[in-house]
Amino acid sequence: MYHKTKILFAAAALCLIAACSPDMWGYYFDYKCREAYFGNATINYTSEWFKPQILKEIEERTDITASKIFQALPLDVYDHEDLKQRLKSLYGYDDIIDECFSQIISQ
């Protein structure tokens, strides 16, 4: 029983990783590509729980580029709190990052 529980927990953790970091990054990067190609774009899926617009807001208010955001998304970033802490530890901007996360998540 313990072994099955451990496997289920690991699978759930992988689903959370896949649901937060890659989806959040994927929709944000889609926006960045459309913006670069067409000159303007809107970010999609802003009502989803992973809130890709957080990354857009951080990039607009700091010098944290899309490349730097991507570098902050290793496999041990499981949720918004992990990502927020990783961005702050790598790049600073603690107040701005906290504000971006809290404003957008509370919407």
Protein backbone atom coordinates (compact mmCIF):
# COMPACT_ATOMS: atom_id res chain seq x y z
CA MET A 1 0.00 0.00 0.00
CA TYR A 2 2.81 2.43 0.88
CA HIS A 3 4.45 1.86 -2.51
CA LYS A 4 1.22 2.64 -4.39
CA THR A 5 0.68 5.78 -2.33
CA LYS A 6 4.21 6.93 -3.07
CA ILE A 7 3.70 6.37 -6.80
CA LEU A 8 0.40 8.25 -6.76
CA PHE A 9 1.98 11.14 -4.87
CA ALA A 10 4.83 11.31 -7.41
CA ALA A 11 2.34 11.25 -10.30
CA ALA A 12 0.30 14.02 -8.70
CA ALA A 13 3.44 16.12 -8.24
CA LEU A 14 4.35 15.66 -11.90
CA CYS A 15 0.84 16.69 -12.94
CA LEU A 16 1.15 19.84 -10.86
CA ILE A 17 4.50 20.64 -12.47
CA ALA A 18 2.98 20.09 -15.89
CA ALA A 19 -0.03 22.16 -14.99
CA CYS A 20 1.76 25.18 -13.52
CA SER A 21 5.16 25.83 -15.05
CA PRO A 22 4.80 24.49 -18.60
CA ASP A 23 1.23 25.74 -19.15
CA MET A 24 1.97 29.10 -17.60
CA TRP A 25 5.16 29.38 -19.64
CA GLY A 26 3.55 28.01 -22.81
CA TYR A 27 0.73 30.56 -22.91
CA TYR A 28 3.09 33.36 -21.98
CA PHE A 29 5.60 32.38 -24.67
CA ASP A 30 2.79 32.04 -27.24
CA TYR A 31 1.90 35.64 -26.43
CA LYS A 32 5.55 36.72 -26.81
CA CYS A 33 5.86 35.04 -30.23
CA ARG A 34 2.62 36.57 -31.52
CA GLU A 35 3.69 39.97 -30.19
CA ALA A 36 7.07 39.71 -31.95
CA TYR A 37 5.54 38.51 -35.23
CA PHE A 38 2.41 40.66 -35.44
CA GLY A 39 3.56 43.66 -33.42
CA ASN A 40 0.79 43.43 -30.85
CA ALA A 41 -1.03 40.60 -29.13
CA THR A 42 -3.17 39.76 -26.17
CA ILE A 43 -2.36 37.08 -23.67
CA ASN A 44 -4.82 34.18 -23.68
CA TYR A 45 -6.26 32.09 -20.85
CA THR A 46 -6.00 34.82 -18.24
CA SER A 47 -8.93 33.30 -16.35
CA GLU A 48 -7.14 29.97 -15.90
CA TRP A 49 -5.69 29.22 -12.47
CA PHE A 50 -2.07 29.27 -13.70
CA LYS A 51 -2.36 32.98 -14.68
CA PRO A 52 0.18 33.45 -17.50
CA GLN A 53 -0.33 37.22 -17.32
CA ILE A 54 1.77 37.23 -14.14
CA LEU A 55 4.85 36.63 -16.29
CA LYS A 56 3.87 39.41 -18.69
CA GLU A 57 3.38 41.84 -15.83
CA ILE A 58 6.75 40.94 -14.29
CA GLU A 59 8.52 41.40 -17.61
CA GLU A 60 6.87 44.77 -18.20
CA ARG A 61 7.74 46.12 -14.74
CA THR A 62 11.33 44.82 -14.40
CA ASP A 63 14.29 43.93 -16.59
CA ILE A 64 13.47 40.22 -16.16
CA THR A 65 13.24 38.99 -19.76
CA ALA A 66 11.39 35.97 -21.13
CA SER A 67 14.73 34.15 -21.25
CA LYS A 68 15.37 34.86 -17.57
CA ILE A 69 11.84 33.71 -16.67
CA PHE A 70 12.42 30.45 -18.53
CA GLN A 71 15.66 29.91 -16.60
CA ALA A 72 13.65 30.15 -13.37
CA LEU A 73 11.44 27.17 -14.30
CA PRO A 74 13.39 24.02 -13.36
CA LEU A 75 11.61 20.86 -12.29
CA ASP A 76 11.50 21.86 -8.63
CA VAL A 77 9.12 24.76 -9.31
CA TYR A 78 5.74 23.23 -8.47
CA ASP A 79 3.37 26.16 -8.01
CA HIS A 80 3.03 29.94 -7.98
CA GLU A 81 4.74 30.28 -4.61
CA ASP A 82 7.78 28.29 -5.78
CA LEU A 83 8.02 30.38 -8.95
CA LYS A 84 7.66 33.62 -7.03
CA GLN A 85 10.41 32.64 -4.60
CA ARG A 86 12.68 31.45 -7.43
CA LEU A 87 12.29 34.70 -9.38
CA LYS A 88 12.97 36.76 -6.27
CA SER A 89 16.05 34.74 -5.31
CA LEU A 90 17.51 34.91 -8.82
CA TYR A 91 16.70 38.48 -9.81
CA GLY A 92 15.55 40.52 -6.81
CA TYR A 93 12.61 42.89 -7.37
CA ASP A 94 10.92 41.33 -4.32
CA ASP A 95 8.27 44.04 -3.93
CA ILE A 96 7.33 44.15 -7.62
CA ILE A 97 7.19 40.35 -7.95
CA ASP A 98 5.08 40.05 -4.80
CA GLU A 99 2.74 42.74 -6.09
CA CYS A 100 2.37 41.11 -9.54
CA PHE A 101 1.51 37.74 -8.05
CA SER A 102 -0.87 39.08 -5.40
CA GLN A 103 -2.74 41.47 -7.72
CA ILE A 104 -3.28 38.96 -10.50
CA ILE A 105 -4.05 35.92 -8.35
CA SER A 106 -6.66 37.89 -6.40
CA GLN A 107 -8.55 38.82 -9.61
